Amino acid sequence: MSFECDLVGSEEYKNFRASVPLRKISVDNDPSKVWSIFDSGPRTCRCPLVCLPSVSGTADVFFFQVLALSAKGLRVITVSYPVYWNHDEWCEGFLKLINFLRLEKVHLFGASLGGFLAQKFAEYSFRLRVVASMIFCNSFTDTSIFRFSDVASILWVIPSVILKKMILQNFMRQKMDPAICRAVDFMVTKLESLCQSELASRLTLNSISNKIDTTKVSYQGIPITIIDVFDLSALSNRVKDALYKAYPLAKLAHMKSGGNFPYLSHPEDVNLFIEVHLRKFSGTPESPFLN
């Protein structure tokens, strides 16, 4: 499958790839488990914004956020996950990555699965208090909302072409404005770059039965902002309402339009929401800004 993608050839994306190097980091005993990251902004900052992608995303899907926010003095790290088959294993690997990078705390921006994993990590590390704040974009608290839960245990043997079709079912392109179409096309190119084991592991993390223990998250008093779109996306209103109810003190940031990937289709709006969320930490020990 081939899609012509305006964003891949855009000046912004070319500038991002030319100015921010891709790092590959192994923190597990298994050397095949490699985190791919882009790290931009002041390295003296030990409490950066860390962006976690969706099932089909890679570290470079947040290139608009890296360019705009690092230009304003924020340290922004975007990651692409190694192959993990359960949430605790992923959380353990992510904590090792944080320690390897010598970070004190992290502000997490999670898109879809990335938002779920951000919550799982806050739950996993609640005694360590590693998470300074969280921003969710089109995310959820319970994996049972996905119809692949019945086949989660066999995803690892399903061929890549079928896994991609399973994901592409949620990539709606009808009656979309051009910006959302370009975002979808860009995500398709990222999906095509993932190998079978990467796809299978991400779908498994997205599908195996698990629910966030929101009491462990709320107990920490972590500031949360929830970004949602009013137009068509893969998540139903029921799922969105469940996230709001899970975090009644969260700030809500609604977008009239944006689709499944508003950080690509309408990056100026998403960047503003992120900046407003993080502004309260400026001048504090948890600041992601250059002080």
Protein backbone atom coordinates (compact mmCIF):
# COMPACT_ATOMS: atom_id res chain seq x y z
CA MET A 1 0.00 0.00 0.00
CA SER A 2 1.41 3.38 -0.98
CA PHE A 3 0.24 6.86 0.04
CA GLU A 4 1.64 10.18 -1.09
CA CYS A 5 2.15 12.16 2.10
CA ASP A 6 2.54 15.93 2.12
CA LEU A 7 3.87 16.00 5.68
CA VAL A 8 6.80 13.69 4.95
CA GLY A 9 7.97 16.09 2.27
CA SER A 10 7.17 19.25 4.23
CA GLU A 11 9.85 21.76 5.17
CA GLU A 12 8.95 21.32 8.83
CA TYR A 13 9.55 17.58 8.78
CA LYS A 14 12.76 17.95 6.76
CA ASN A 15 13.99 20.57 9.23
CA PHE A 16 13.13 18.31 12.15
CA ARG A 17 15.01 15.33 10.75
CA ALA A 18 18.00 17.49 9.82
CA SER A 19 18.25 19.22 13.20
CA VAL A 20 17.25 16.58 15.78
CA PRO A 21 19.25 13.33 15.73
CA LEU A 22 17.59 9.97 16.27
CA ARG A 23 19.08 8.05 19.21
CA LYS A 24 18.71 4.31 19.77
CA ILE A 25 19.03 3.18 23.38
CA SER A 26 18.99 -0.32 24.87
CA VAL A 27 18.27 -0.46 28.61
CA ASP A 28 17.20 -4.10 28.98
CA ASN A 29 19.22 -7.27 29.31
CA ASP A 30 17.81 -8.18 25.90
CA PRO A 31 19.82 -6.05 23.41
CA SER A 32 17.07 -6.41 20.82
CA LYS A 33 14.82 -4.17 22.90
CA VAL A 34 15.80 -0.73 21.63
CA TRP A 35 14.10 2.57 22.41
CA SER A 36 14.26 5.11 19.60
CA ILE A 37 14.13 8.70 20.82
CA PHE A 38 14.40 12.29 19.64
CA ASP A 39 15.66 14.62 22.37
CA SER A 40 15.49 18.38 21.75
CA GLY A 41 15.85 21.40 23.98
CA PRO A 42 18.01 22.20 27.02
CA ARG A 43 19.75 19.04 28.25
CA THR A 44 20.22 20.64 31.67
CA CYS A 45 16.47 20.25 32.19
CA ARG A 46 15.81 17.05 34.17
CA CYS A 47 12.00 17.21 33.99
CA PRO A 48 11.22 17.18 30.26
CA LEU A 49 8.05 16.61 28.32
CA VAL A 50 8.04 13.01 27.04
CA CYS A 51 5.69 12.15 24.17
CA LEU A 52 4.29 8.62 23.85
CA PRO A 53 2.74 7.61 20.49
CA SER A 54 -0.29 5.54 19.58
CA VAL A 55 -0.30 1.98 18.23
CA SER A 56 0.69 3.11 14.74
CA GLY A 57 2.96 5.96 15.77
CA THR A 58 6.72 6.33 15.91
CA ALA A 59 8.84 8.90 17.72
CA ASP A 60 8.79 11.35 14.81
CA VAL A 61 4.98 11.73 14.73
CA PHE A 62 5.43 14.53 17.29
CA PHE A 63 7.79 16.55 15.12
CA PHE A 64 5.53 19.62 15.21
CA GLN A 65 5.61 19.58 19.01
CA VAL A 66 9.40 19.14 19.12
CA LEU A 67 10.03 22.05 16.76
CA ALA A 68 7.59 24.51 18.31
CA LEU A 69 8.05 23.74 22.00
CA SER A 70 11.83 23.33 22.03
CA ALA A 71 12.06 26.72 20.29
CA LYS A 72 10.34 28.16 23.37
CA GLY A 73 12.90 26.66 25.74
CA LEU A 74 11.23 23.34 26.59
CA ARG A 75 13.05 20.04 26.57
CA VAL A 76 10.97 17.60 24.55
CA ILE A 77 11.70 13.88 24.21
CA THR A 78 9.68 11.67 21.88
CA VAL A 79 9.96 7.89 22.01
CA SER A 80 9.23 4.80 19.98
CA TYR A 81 8.73 1.61 21.99
CA PRO A 82 10.64 -1.68 21.80
CA VAL A 83 8.67 -4.91 21.71
CA TYR A 84 6.97 -5.57 25.06
CA TRP A 85 4.10 -7.98 25.60
CA ASN A 86 2.53 -6.73 28.84
CA HIS A 87 2.07 -3.40 30.59
CA ASP A 88 4.31 -4.06 33.60
CA GLU A 89 7.16 -5.05 31.31
CA TRP A 90 6.69 -1.84 29.33
CA CYS A 91 6.61 0.25 32.53
CA GLU A 92 9.79 -1.41 33.81
CA GLY A 93 11.55 -0.66 30.51
CA PHE A 94 10.34 2.95 30.49
CA LEU A 95 11.58 3.49 34.05
CA LYS A 96 14.98 2.14 32.99
CA LEU A 97 14.98 4.60 30.08
CA ILE A 98 14.21 7.50 32.44
CA ASN A 99 17.05 6.42 34.72
CA PHE A 100 19.42 6.00 31.78
CA LEU A 101 18.67 9.55 30.64
CA ARG A 102 19.17 10.76 34.24
CA LEU A 103 15.78 12.40 34.42
CA GLU A 104 14.32 13.35 37.77
CA LYS A 105 10.65 13.53 36.72
CA VAL A 106 8.69 13.53 33.48
CA HIS A 107 5.69 15.33 32.06
CA LEU A 108 3.90 12.81 29.86
CA PHE A 109 1.97 13.57 26.68
CA GLY A 110 0.26 10.39 25.54
CA ALA A 111 -1.76 9.83 22.36
CA SER A 112 -4.32 7.01 22.46
CA LEU A 113 -2.30 3.92 23.57
CA GLY A 114 0.43 6.34 24.68
CA GLY A 115 -2.05 7.98 27.05
CA PHE A 116 -3.04 4.61 28.49
CA LEU A 117 0.62 3.69 28.99
CA ALA A 118 1.26 7.06 30.66
CA GLN A 119 -1.46 6.22 33.18
CA LYS A 120 -0.12 2.69 33.69
CA PHE A 121 3.33 4.14 34.34
CA ALA A 122 1.95 6.63 36.87
CA GLU A 123 0.19 3.70 38.56
CA TYR A 124 3.31 1.51 38.37
CA SER A 125 5.65 4.19 39.79
CA PHE A 126 3.28 5.75 42.34
CA ARG A 127 5.72 5.18 45.23
CA LEU A 128 8.55 6.84 43.29
CA ARG A 129 6.53 9.91 42.22
CA VAL A 130 8.31 10.08 38.87
CA VAL A 131 5.39 11.58 36.92
CA ALA A 132 5.10 15.35 37.32
CA SER A 133 2.01 15.77 35.12
CA MET A 134 0.11 14.14 32.25
CA ILE A 135 -1.65 15.23 29.07
CA PHE A 136 -3.91 12.75 27.29
CA CYS A 137 -4.95 13.06 23.66
CA ASN A 138 -7.82 10.82 22.47
CA SER A 139 -7.04 8.31 25.20
CA PHE A 140 -8.83 5.85 27.48
CA THR A 141 -8.69 4.09 30.87
CA ASP A 142 -9.83 0.55 29.96
CA THR A 143 -8.60 -1.67 27.11
CA SER A 144 -11.87 -3.65 27.08
CA ILE A 145 -13.28 -1.00 24.72
CA PHE A 146 -11.36 -2.58 21.83
CA ARG A 147 -12.83 -5.50 19.92
CA PHE A 148 -9.51 -7.34 19.61
CA SER A 149 -9.39 -8.45 23.25
CA ASP A 150 -10.55 -11.96 22.31
CA VAL A 151 -7.54 -12.45 20.02
CA ALA A 152 -4.95 -10.59 22.12
CA SER A 153 -3.19 -13.82 23.09
CA ILE A 154 -2.54 -14.81 19.45
CA LEU A 155 -1.65 -11.45 17.92
CA TRP A 156 2.03 -12.38 18.05
CA VAL A 157 1.52 -15.02 15.30
CA ILE A 158 -0.75 -12.99 13.00
CA PRO A 159 0.97 -11.83 9.78
CA SER A 160 1.93 -8.20 9.44
CA VAL A 161 -0.44 -7.49 6.55
CA ILE A 162 -3.44 -8.56 8.65
CA LEU A 163 -2.29 -6.57 11.67
CA LYS A 164 -2.02 -3.46 9.51
CA LYS A 165 -5.53 -3.99 8.17
CA MET A 166 -6.80 -4.28 11.75
CA ILE A 167 -5.29 -0.90 12.55
CA LEU A 168 -6.27 0.80 9.30
CA GLN A 169 -9.95 0.12 10.03
CA ASN A 170 -9.80 3.08 12.42
CA PHE A 171 -8.10 5.41 9.91
CA MET A 172 -11.22 7.19 8.67
CA ARG A 173 -10.55 9.48 5.68
CA GLN A 174 -14.05 10.21 4.34
CA LYS A 175 -15.37 13.78 4.52
CA MET A 176 -12.23 15.05 6.22
CA ASP A 177 -10.60 18.41 5.82
CA PRO A 178 -7.23 18.35 4.02
CA ALA A 179 -5.22 18.80 7.23
CA ILE A 180 -6.73 15.67 8.77
CA CYS A 181 -6.23 13.71 5.54
CA ARG A 182 -2.55 14.68 5.53
CA ALA A 183 -2.24 13.56 9.15
CA VAL A 184 -3.83 10.20 8.33
CA ASP A 185 -1.54 9.71 5.35
CA PHE A 186 1.51 10.51 7.48
CA MET A 187 0.43 7.96 10.10
CA VAL A 188 -0.03 5.35 7.37
CA THR A 189 3.60 5.85 6.34
CA LYS A 190 4.63 5.33 9.98
CA LEU A 191 2.47 2.22 10.21
CA GLU A 192 4.14 0.81 7.11
CA SER A 193 7.55 1.27 8.76
CA LEU A 194 6.72 -1.01 11.70
CA CYS A 195 7.67 -4.70 11.58
CA GLN A 196 5.37 -7.58 12.54
CA SER A 197 6.64 -7.93 16.12
CA GLU A 198 6.31 -4.18 16.76
CA LEU A 199 2.75 -4.14 15.44
CA ALA A 200 1.78 -7.30 17.31
CA SER A 201 3.22 -6.10 20.63
CA ARG A 202 1.53 -2.69 20.39
CA LEU A 203 -1.82 -4.22 19.49
CA THR A 204 -1.36 -6.64 22.38
CA LEU A 205 -0.72 -3.76 24.82
CA ASN A 206 -3.81 -2.08 23.37
CA SER A 207 -5.98 -5.18 23.65
CA ILE A 208 -5.07 -7.36 26.65
CA SER A 209 -7.58 -6.87 29.44
CA ASN A 210 -6.41 -4.10 31.75
CA LYS A 211 -7.91 -1.11 33.51
CA ILE A 212 -6.21 1.86 35.15
CA ASP A 213 -6.28 1.95 38.95
CA THR A 214 -7.16 5.64 38.97
CA THR A 215 -6.99 5.81 42.77
CA LYS A 216 -3.21 5.29 42.61
CA VAL A 217 -2.95 8.01 39.98
CA SER A 218 -5.26 10.48 41.73
CA TYR A 219 -3.60 9.87 45.10
CA GLN A 220 -0.41 11.43 43.73
CA GLY A 221 -2.17 14.69 42.87
CA ILE A 222 -0.78 14.66 39.33
CA PRO A 223 -2.03 17.63 37.27
CA ILE A 224 -3.85 16.31 34.18
CA THR A 225 -5.11 17.88 30.97
CA ILE A 226 -7.39 15.92 28.61
CA ILE A 227 -7.40 16.92 24.93
CA ASP A 228 -10.33 15.64 22.88
CA VAL A 229 -11.85 16.40 19.50
CA PHE A 230 -15.51 16.99 18.66
CA ASP A 231 -15.32 15.52 15.16
CA LEU A 232 -14.94 11.88 14.11
CA SER A 233 -12.33 9.83 15.94
CA ALA A 234 -11.81 6.19 16.85
CA LEU A 235 -13.12 6.70 20.40
CA SER A 236 -16.81 6.90 21.27
CA ASN A 237 -18.34 9.55 23.51
CA ARG A 238 -18.87 6.85 26.14
CA VAL A 239 -15.12 6.18 26.26
CA LYS A 240 -14.35 9.89 26.46
CA ASP A 241 -16.86 10.38 29.27
CA ALA A 242 -15.29 7.50 31.21
CA LEU A 243 -11.91 9.30 31.07
CA TYR A 244 -13.47 12.55 32.29
CA LYS A 245 -15.16 10.74 35.19
CA ALA A 246 -11.92 8.96 36.11
CA TYR A 247 -10.18 12.33 36.55
CA PRO A 248 -12.82 14.86 37.66
CA LEU A 249 -10.17 17.47 38.52
CA ALA A 250 -8.53 17.31 35.10
CA LYS A 251 -8.49 20.35 32.83
CA LEU A 252 -10.46 19.76 29.63
CA ALA A 253 -9.23 21.04 26.27
CA HIS A 254 -11.71 20.49 23.45
CA MET A 255 -11.01 20.92 19.75
CA LYS A 256 -13.76 21.45 17.18
CA SER A 257 -11.77 19.46 14.64
CA GLY A 258 -8.66 17.29 14.68
CA GLY A 259 -9.50 13.66 13.95
CA ASN A 260 -7.50 10.83 15.47
CA PHE A 261 -4.19 12.70 15.23
CA PRO A 262 -4.76 16.37 16.17
CA TYR A 263 -1.10 16.82 17.10
CA LEU A 264 -0.41 16.40 13.35
CA SER A 265 -3.53 17.91 11.80
CA HIS A 266 -3.86 20.95 14.09
CA PRO A 267 -0.50 21.21 15.86
CA GLU A 268 -0.82 24.90 16.77
CA ASP A 269 -3.88 24.18 18.95
CA VAL A 270 -2.32 21.13 20.60
CA ASN A 271 0.97 22.95 21.21
CA LEU A 272 -0.93 25.80 22.88
CA PHE A 273 -2.76 23.37 25.17
CA ILE A 274 0.54 21.72 26.10
CA GLU A 275 2.22 25.06 26.76
CA VAL A 276 -0.66 26.28 28.95
CA HIS A 277 -0.59 22.99 30.88
CA LEU A 278 3.17 23.22 31.52
CA ARG A 279 3.32 26.94 32.22
CA LYS A 280 2.34 26.41 35.86
CA PHE A 281 5.61 24.53 36.41
CA SER A 282 7.83 27.36 35.17
CA GLY A 283 10.31 28.39 37.84
CA THR A 284 9.71 25.23 39.90
CA PRO A 285 11.97 22.17 40.35
CA GLU A 286 9.60 20.32 37.98
CA SER A 287 9.93 22.86 35.17
CA PRO A 288 10.45 21.48 31.64
CA PHE A 289 11.61 24.95 30.56
CA LEU A 290 15.10 26.39 30.43
CA ASN A 291 15.30 28.31 33.71
